[in-house]
Protein backbone atom coordinates (compact mmCIF):
# COMPACT_ATOMS: atom_id res chain seq x y z
CA MET A 1 118.08 157.34 -124.45
CA THR A 2 121.96 157.99 -124.07
CA THR A 3 123.69 161.29 -124.37
CA LEU A 4 126.37 161.30 -126.73
CA LYS A 5 129.46 162.96 -125.28
CA GLN A 6 130.72 166.35 -126.98
CA THR A 7 134.21 167.58 -127.17
CA PRO A 8 135.34 171.19 -126.47
CA LEU A 9 135.33 172.49 -130.30
CA TYR A 10 130.93 171.18 -130.58
CA PRO A 11 129.83 174.53 -130.17
CA ILE A 12 131.22 176.04 -132.92
CA TYR A 13 131.20 172.62 -135.41
CA THR A 14 127.44 174.02 -136.88
CA LYS A 15 129.77 177.09 -137.90
CA HIS A 16 131.65 175.33 -140.30
CA GLY A 17 128.39 173.05 -141.53
CA ALA A 18 129.32 170.02 -139.82
CA LYS A 19 127.09 166.99 -139.80
CA THR A 20 127.62 164.98 -137.07
CA ILE A 21 127.11 161.59 -136.10
CA ASP A 22 127.72 159.01 -133.07
CA PHE A 23 130.60 157.44 -133.10
CA GLY A 24 131.79 155.53 -130.68
CA GLY A 25 129.11 157.50 -127.96
CA TRP A 26 130.85 160.48 -128.53
CA ASP A 27 128.57 163.04 -131.35
CA LEU A 28 131.69 164.09 -133.72
CA PRO A 29 131.29 165.16 -137.69
CA VAL A 30 131.48 162.86 -140.00
CA GLN A 31 131.83 166.11 -142.67
CA PHE A 32 132.10 169.58 -143.38
CA GLY A 33 132.16 170.35 -147.17
CA GLY A 34 131.91 167.20 -148.50
CA ILE A 35 134.00 163.67 -147.67
CA GLN A 36 135.72 163.52 -151.10
CA THR A 37 136.94 167.35 -151.15
CA GLU A 38 138.00 166.95 -147.43
CA HIS A 39 140.27 163.75 -148.87
CA GLU A 40 141.43 165.80 -151.32
CA ALA A 41 142.20 168.99 -149.36
CA VAL A 42 144.34 166.85 -146.58
CA ARG A 43 146.72 164.97 -150.27
CA GLN A 44 147.18 168.24 -151.42
CA ARG A 45 146.94 171.07 -148.97
CA ALA A 46 146.06 170.75 -145.21
CA GLY A 47 143.75 169.75 -143.40
CA LEU A 48 142.51 170.52 -139.71
CA PHE A 49 141.21 167.35 -137.80
CA ASP A 50 139.62 167.82 -134.31
CA VAL A 51 140.19 164.93 -132.57
CA SER A 52 139.86 165.62 -128.73
CA HIS A 53 138.30 162.61 -128.13
CA MET A 54 140.58 160.41 -128.13
CA GLY A 55 142.13 159.90 -124.73
CA GLU A 56 144.91 160.82 -122.28
CA PHE A 57 146.97 159.23 -119.22
CA TRP A 58 150.09 159.98 -117.54
CA VAL A 59 152.49 157.19 -116.13
CA THR A 60 154.74 158.59 -113.62
CA GLY A 61 156.82 157.40 -111.25
CA SER A 62 160.26 155.71 -110.97
CA ASP A 63 158.73 152.17 -112.04
CA ALA A 64 156.99 153.83 -115.36
CA GLU A 65 159.09 152.44 -117.65
CA ALA A 66 159.39 149.15 -116.31
CA PHE A 67 155.39 149.12 -116.45
CA LEU A 68 155.29 150.02 -119.74
CA GLN A 69 157.30 147.59 -120.91
CA LYS A 70 155.28 144.76 -119.27
CA MET A 71 152.22 145.93 -120.59
CA THR A 72 152.41 147.32 -124.51
CA THR A 73 154.38 145.19 -127.39
CA ASN A 74 157.14 147.74 -128.41
CA ASP A 75 160.79 148.50 -126.65
CA VAL A 76 159.79 151.42 -124.37
CA SER A 77 164.15 151.26 -122.64
CA LYS A 78 164.78 152.47 -126.58
CA MET A 79 162.54 155.78 -126.79
CA GLU A 80 164.88 158.57 -126.24
CA THR A 81 162.96 161.92 -124.44
CA ASN A 82 160.54 163.77 -126.34
CA GLN A 83 159.92 161.23 -128.43
CA ALA A 84 156.75 159.14 -129.38
CA LEU A 85 156.41 155.83 -130.35
CA TYR A 86 153.49 153.46 -131.68
CA SER A 87 152.35 150.61 -129.61
CA LEU A 88 149.90 147.87 -128.51
CA LEU A 89 148.29 146.92 -125.43
CA CYS A 90 147.33 142.39 -125.50
CA TYR A 91 146.19 140.22 -123.46
CA PRO A 92 147.48 137.10 -122.67
CA ASN A 93 146.19 134.99 -125.43
CA GLY A 94 147.99 137.65 -127.89
CA GLY A 95 144.75 139.89 -129.03
CA VAL A 96 144.28 143.54 -128.87
CA VAL A 97 143.01 145.60 -126.01
CA ASP A 98 144.41 148.61 -127.68
CA ASP A 99 146.61 149.97 -129.96
CA LEU A 100 148.16 153.49 -128.89
CA ILE A 101 151.17 155.80 -129.02
CA ILE A 102 153.54 156.52 -125.74
CA TYR A 103 155.14 159.46 -125.05
CA LYS A 104 157.85 159.95 -123.11
CA LEU A 105 158.46 163.50 -121.50
CA ALA A 106 161.09 162.32 -118.92
CA GLY A 107 162.81 158.99 -117.50
CA ASP A 108 159.55 158.97 -115.16
CA ARG A 109 157.00 161.07 -117.36
CA PHE A 110 155.21 159.10 -120.24
CA MET A 111 151.87 159.99 -121.88
CA LEU A 112 149.41 157.72 -123.06
CA VAL A 113 147.16 158.20 -126.40
CA VAL A 114 144.92 155.55 -127.05
CA ASN A 115 141.45 155.31 -128.44
CA ALA A 116 137.96 157.34 -127.53
CA SER A 117 136.26 153.81 -127.45
CA ASN A 118 138.17 152.59 -124.99
CA ILE A 119 139.65 154.93 -122.50
CA ASP A 120 137.43 153.34 -119.58
CA LYS A 121 138.69 149.84 -121.00
CA ASP A 122 142.43 150.78 -121.47
CA PHE A 123 142.43 152.72 -117.81
CA ALA A 124 140.74 149.57 -116.08
CA TRP A 125 143.14 147.38 -117.83
CA LEU A 126 145.99 149.50 -117.14
CA SER A 127 144.85 150.13 -113.79
CA GLU A 128 144.64 146.33 -112.86
CA HIS A 129 148.28 145.73 -114.14
CA LEU A 130 149.70 148.61 -111.55
CA GLU A 131 152.90 147.40 -110.10
CA GLY A 132 155.65 149.25 -108.25
CA ASN A 133 156.07 152.92 -108.03
CA VAL A 134 153.46 154.24 -110.97
CA LYS A 135 151.05 156.76 -110.71
CA LEU A 136 148.24 156.61 -113.57
CA ASP A 137 145.92 159.18 -114.30
CA ASN A 138 143.50 159.55 -116.56
CA VAL A 139 143.48 163.52 -118.19
CA SER A 140 141.24 162.99 -121.46
CA ASP A 141 138.67 165.52 -120.10
CA ASP A 142 141.36 168.31 -119.56
CA THR A 143 142.97 167.62 -122.55
CA SER A 144 142.10 168.49 -126.60
CA LEU A 145 143.95 167.53 -129.23
CA LEU A 146 144.05 168.62 -132.99
CA ALA A 147 145.68 167.27 -135.91
CA LEU A 148 146.95 169.59 -138.58
CA GLN A 149 147.80 167.54 -141.71
CA GLY A 150 148.77 167.55 -144.92
CA PRO A 151 152.21 168.61 -147.36
CA ARG A 152 151.10 172.41 -146.01
CA ALA A 153 150.69 172.00 -142.65
CA SER A 154 154.71 173.04 -141.83
CA SER A 155 154.13 176.12 -143.45
CA ILE A 156 150.62 176.96 -141.85
CA LEU A 157 151.70 175.86 -138.73
CA SER A 158 155.52 178.17 -138.94
CA LYS A 159 153.16 180.98 -139.18
CA LEU A 160 152.13 180.89 -135.19
CA THR A 161 155.60 179.85 -133.38
CA ASP A 162 158.72 180.92 -133.07
CA SER A 163 159.87 176.82 -132.03
CA PRO A 164 161.38 175.11 -134.34
CA VAL A 165 158.68 172.76 -135.19
CA THR A 166 158.92 171.99 -138.74
CA GLU A 167 162.82 170.60 -138.17
CA LEU A 168 160.59 168.09 -135.74
CA LYS A 169 161.53 163.67 -137.22
CA SER A 170 158.94 161.68 -137.60
CA PHE A 171 157.40 160.55 -134.09
CA ARG A 172 159.65 163.36 -132.36
CA PHE A 173 157.84 165.98 -129.94
CA LEU A 174 158.35 169.45 -128.31
CA PRO A 175 156.47 169.16 -125.02
CA ASP A 176 156.21 173.30 -124.27
CA VAL A 177 155.53 175.24 -127.66
CA ASN A 178 153.79 178.79 -127.46
CA VAL A 179 151.46 178.46 -130.95
CA GLY A 180 149.66 182.14 -130.96
CA GLY A 181 149.91 182.92 -127.66
CA ILE A 182 148.43 178.94 -126.53
CA HIS A 183 150.87 176.57 -124.63
CA ALA A 184 150.97 173.37 -126.34
CA LEU A 185 152.83 169.35 -126.94
CA VAL A 186 153.35 169.62 -130.53
CA SER A 187 154.35 166.35 -131.90
CA ARG A 188 155.24 164.59 -135.67
CA THR A 189 152.28 162.49 -136.27
CA GLY A 190 149.35 162.08 -137.81
CA TYR A 191 146.61 159.28 -138.87
CA THR A 192 146.87 160.73 -142.78
CA GLY A 193 149.47 158.95 -144.60
CA GLU A 194 150.85 162.54 -144.79
CA ASP A 195 153.19 164.84 -143.30
CA GLY A 196 152.15 167.24 -140.35
CA PHE A 197 151.64 167.55 -136.71
CA GLU A 198 148.75 166.73 -133.39
CA LEU A 199 148.66 169.67 -130.77
CA TYR A 200 147.84 168.73 -127.33
CA VAL A 201 146.58 171.90 -125.64
CA SER A 202 144.06 172.28 -122.51
CA ALA A 203 140.54 172.04 -123.31
CA ARG A 204 139.62 175.05 -122.33
CA ASP A 205 141.88 176.82 -125.44
CA VAL A 206 140.94 174.68 -127.93
CA ILE A 207 138.48 176.69 -129.77
CA ARG A 208 141.09 179.55 -129.89
CA LEU A 209 143.81 177.37 -131.18
CA TRP A 210 141.31 176.00 -133.85
CA GLU A 211 140.36 179.66 -134.75
CA GLN A 212 143.48 180.73 -135.32
CA LEU A 213 145.02 177.92 -136.87
CA LEU A 214 142.25 177.96 -139.63
CA GLU A 215 142.84 181.74 -139.98
CA ALA A 216 146.53 180.77 -140.65
CA GLY A 217 145.87 178.66 -143.21
CA GLN A 218 143.21 180.26 -144.96
CA GLU A 219 145.98 181.56 -148.19
CA GLU A 220 146.81 177.69 -148.13
CA GLY A 221 143.73 176.17 -148.36
CA LEU A 222 143.15 174.59 -145.22
CA GLU A 223 139.71 173.10 -144.75
CA PRO A 224 138.81 171.87 -141.22
CA ILE A 225 138.19 167.55 -141.74
CA GLY A 226 135.56 165.36 -140.65
CA LEU A 227 135.95 161.54 -139.35
CA GLY A 228 134.88 160.52 -143.05
CA ALA A 229 138.11 161.53 -144.46
CA ARG A 230 140.22 160.75 -141.78
CA ASP A 231 139.01 157.18 -142.47
CA THR A 232 139.90 157.15 -146.12
CA LEU A 233 142.95 159.06 -145.16
CA ARG A 234 144.17 156.14 -143.04
CA PHE A 235 142.62 153.34 -144.79
CA GLU A 236 144.60 154.53 -148.11
CA ALA A 237 148.30 154.30 -146.25
CA ARG A 238 146.90 151.49 -144.42
CA LEU A 239 146.78 152.65 -141.27
CA PRO A 240 144.97 150.24 -138.69
CA LEU A 241 141.68 151.41 -136.66
CA TYR A 242 140.65 149.28 -134.31
CA GLY A 243 137.66 147.37 -134.10
CA GLN A 244 138.47 146.93 -137.67
CA GLU A 245 142.25 145.67 -138.08
CA LEU A 246 142.96 145.22 -134.15
CA SER A 247 140.01 143.67 -132.12
CA ALA A 248 140.75 141.23 -128.83
CA ASP A 249 139.72 138.55 -131.80
CA ILE A 250 143.07 140.13 -133.62
CA SER A 251 146.46 139.79 -132.80
CA PRO A 252 149.11 142.49 -134.17
CA LEU A 253 151.04 139.64 -136.08
CA GLU A 254 147.75 139.12 -138.07
CA ALA A 255 146.95 142.55 -138.64
CA GLY A 256 150.65 142.95 -140.22
CA LEU A 257 152.31 144.91 -137.27
CA GLY A 258 155.53 142.50 -136.24
CA PHE A 259 157.37 145.43 -136.92
CA PHE A 260 156.06 147.06 -133.11
CA VAL A 261 156.28 143.63 -131.48
CA LYS A 262 159.23 143.46 -130.17
CA LEU A 263 159.58 139.53 -129.16
CA GLY A 264 163.06 139.76 -127.86
CA LYS A 265 162.97 143.03 -125.35
CA GLY A 266 161.61 140.74 -122.31
CA ASP A 267 158.64 139.64 -120.80
CA PHE A 268 155.36 141.46 -121.69
CA ILE A 269 151.70 140.71 -121.34
CA GLY A 270 151.21 138.58 -124.57
CA ARG A 271 154.42 138.08 -125.88
CA GLU A 272 154.33 133.97 -125.01
CA ALA A 273 150.99 133.79 -127.54
CA LEU A 274 152.51 136.28 -129.85
CA ALA A 275 155.66 134.36 -130.57
CA ALA A 276 154.26 131.01 -130.15
CA GLN A 277 152.05 132.50 -133.69
CA LYS A 278 155.19 132.90 -135.09
CA GLU A 279 156.67 130.37 -134.49
CA GLN A 280 154.10 128.31 -135.56
CA GLY A 281 153.06 130.36 -138.61
CA LEU A 282 149.93 132.41 -138.87
CA PRO A 283 146.86 130.89 -139.89
CA ARG A 284 145.81 134.18 -140.81
CA LYS A 285 146.52 137.46 -142.21
CA SER A 286 145.45 140.82 -143.04
CA VAL A 287 145.76 141.74 -146.88
CA GLY A 288 145.20 144.24 -149.37
CA ILE A 289 142.46 143.25 -151.80
CA GLU A 290 141.47 145.23 -155.56
CA MET A 291 137.85 144.76 -156.89
CA ILE A 292 138.16 143.16 -160.74
CA ASP A 293 134.37 142.83 -160.61
CA ARG A 294 132.18 146.07 -159.92
CA GLY A 295 131.50 146.67 -156.35
CA ILE A 296 132.53 147.84 -152.93
CA PRO A 297 133.99 145.86 -150.60
CA ARG A 298 132.52 147.12 -146.71
CA SER A 299 133.58 145.63 -143.44
CA HIS A 300 131.99 142.50 -142.41
CA TYR A 301 131.73 141.06 -146.40
CA PRO A 302 132.73 137.78 -146.33
CA VAL A 303 135.51 136.70 -148.23
CA TYR A 304 135.87 132.97 -150.41
CA SER A 305 138.45 131.03 -152.15
CA ALA A 306 138.28 130.53 -155.87
CA ASP A 307 137.01 127.35 -154.89
CA GLY A 308 133.94 128.81 -153.32
CA ARG A 309 135.39 128.54 -149.52
CA GLN A 310 134.89 131.01 -147.34
CA ILE A 311 138.19 131.89 -146.43
CA GLY A 312 137.69 135.22 -144.34
CA GLU A 313 136.11 138.86 -144.25
CA VAL A 314 136.55 142.34 -145.09
CA THR A 315 137.63 144.35 -142.64
CA THR A 316 137.83 147.96 -144.30
CA GLY A 317 136.81 148.87 -147.68
CA THR A 318 136.09 151.66 -150.13
CA GLN A 319 135.88 153.21 -153.49
CA SER A 320 139.85 155.06 -152.99
CA PRO A 321 139.16 158.95 -153.26
CA THR A 322 142.83 159.20 -154.66
CA PHE A 323 142.73 156.42 -156.90
CA LYS A 324 139.09 155.83 -157.43
CA ARG A 325 139.75 152.04 -157.11
CA ASN A 326 137.07 149.80 -155.17
CA VAL A 327 139.93 148.16 -152.47
CA GLY A 328 139.42 146.66 -149.18
CA LEU A 329 141.74 145.10 -146.38
CA ALA A 330 140.59 141.56 -145.17
CA LEU A 331 141.74 138.89 -143.06
CA ILE A 332 142.02 135.73 -144.69
CA GLU A 333 143.49 132.63 -144.40
CA THR A 334 147.57 133.25 -145.22
CA LEU A 335 147.16 130.22 -147.69
CA HIS A 336 145.57 132.61 -149.82
CA ALA A 337 147.25 135.73 -149.33
CA GLU A 338 149.85 135.72 -152.05
CA ILE A 339 149.78 139.11 -154.51
CA ASP A 340 147.58 138.27 -157.30
CA THR A 341 145.41 135.09 -155.61
CA GLU A 342 142.20 135.42 -156.95
CA LEU A 343 139.35 135.83 -154.57
CA PHE A 344 135.26 136.70 -154.25
CA VAL A 345 134.18 138.89 -151.97
CA GLU A 346 130.30 138.81 -151.34
CA ILE A 347 128.31 141.83 -151.95
CA ARG A 348 124.38 142.35 -151.98
CA GLY A 349 124.42 138.21 -152.36
CA LYS A 350 126.62 137.81 -155.70
CA LYS A 351 130.39 137.26 -155.28
CA LEU A 352 132.24 139.19 -157.13
CA LYS A 353 135.61 138.59 -158.33
CA ALA A 354 138.69 140.19 -156.72
CA LYS A 355 142.63 139.56 -155.99
CA VAL A 356 144.77 140.42 -153.43
CA VAL A 357 147.66 143.42 -154.49
CA PRO A 358 150.22 145.18 -152.32
CA THR A 359 149.72 147.74 -149.46
CA PRO A 360 150.07 150.49 -148.64
CA PHE A 361 147.62 151.57 -151.05
CA TYR A 362 149.26 155.22 -150.43
CA LYS A 363 152.89 156.34 -149.55
CA ARG A 364 153.54 159.88 -149.51
CA PRO A 365 155.41 161.43 -152.51
CA LYS A 366 158.98 162.32 -151.50
CA GLN A 367 159.90 165.78 -151.35
């Protein structure tokens, strides 16, 4: 029997009533008080997530930037110090190794944040392609990550620090912030579609930070949030999940992430295949769907055209907690991807009517 990995916060999960599950080899909370109520807490007030299972790598050395330019799809050369950048690692055929966030701490020092289930694979892939003056270090075990998300996140965090974190723009960070007496890298990033912050701290400090944040946010309605609501929140905002919207068999262009693929920046792994896809036209693409008949589309459910031919499958689907609509993301043949195109999703052996709809399903209201 395989022993599940645990984050440093695991010992206090039960204190908050967590129900845990096996998530990619990790014993993580799927919910604390209920997915629906946790989802609403983040949309309306604020939520606190333990995402310490994510991986962190240091990439340092005089050739670090050139190395990341070669390995990732976005343009690292345009980054400023204290800026974060969403990007992807691709195989030569254009499939995705992983999606990640790059943090630039200095001209020769970067941090990569990768998906938990891909830590070993990503580290091996990067190590295999190392060249020049570059050092790669896996600091995942020593690093913990908390995400504070929601419209009241800024108010809550400002109670614990004098640093100007509330002035940070999206995808910017401060590398050395005193948060309740704890050293943290604080970035204005997240995976919920809401405003918020991610706080990287030493694993030995994370329990103390978690408890301080919950105490500071008590009057604001801050709640601990599990993986279930994390998934419904990111899905409504159409933020991809590796293994569903992205994989070794799904390119960033097919997933609708062309903005993060800079074909004009110079050579990188996968560029030739992605350029060919763009030039020839994509045979399939990711779209939003909404059920017309009663039923909830789930991952891997087959999708059919109006004439009964299978044209793809659902990658993620659920009943939207915000809108109470049965919606999904599906990877289908481009020919059938126009808005309002009628489709059918096979649910429990029945082909039920659906249609293509615009995404994201949820956009944060402008303040």
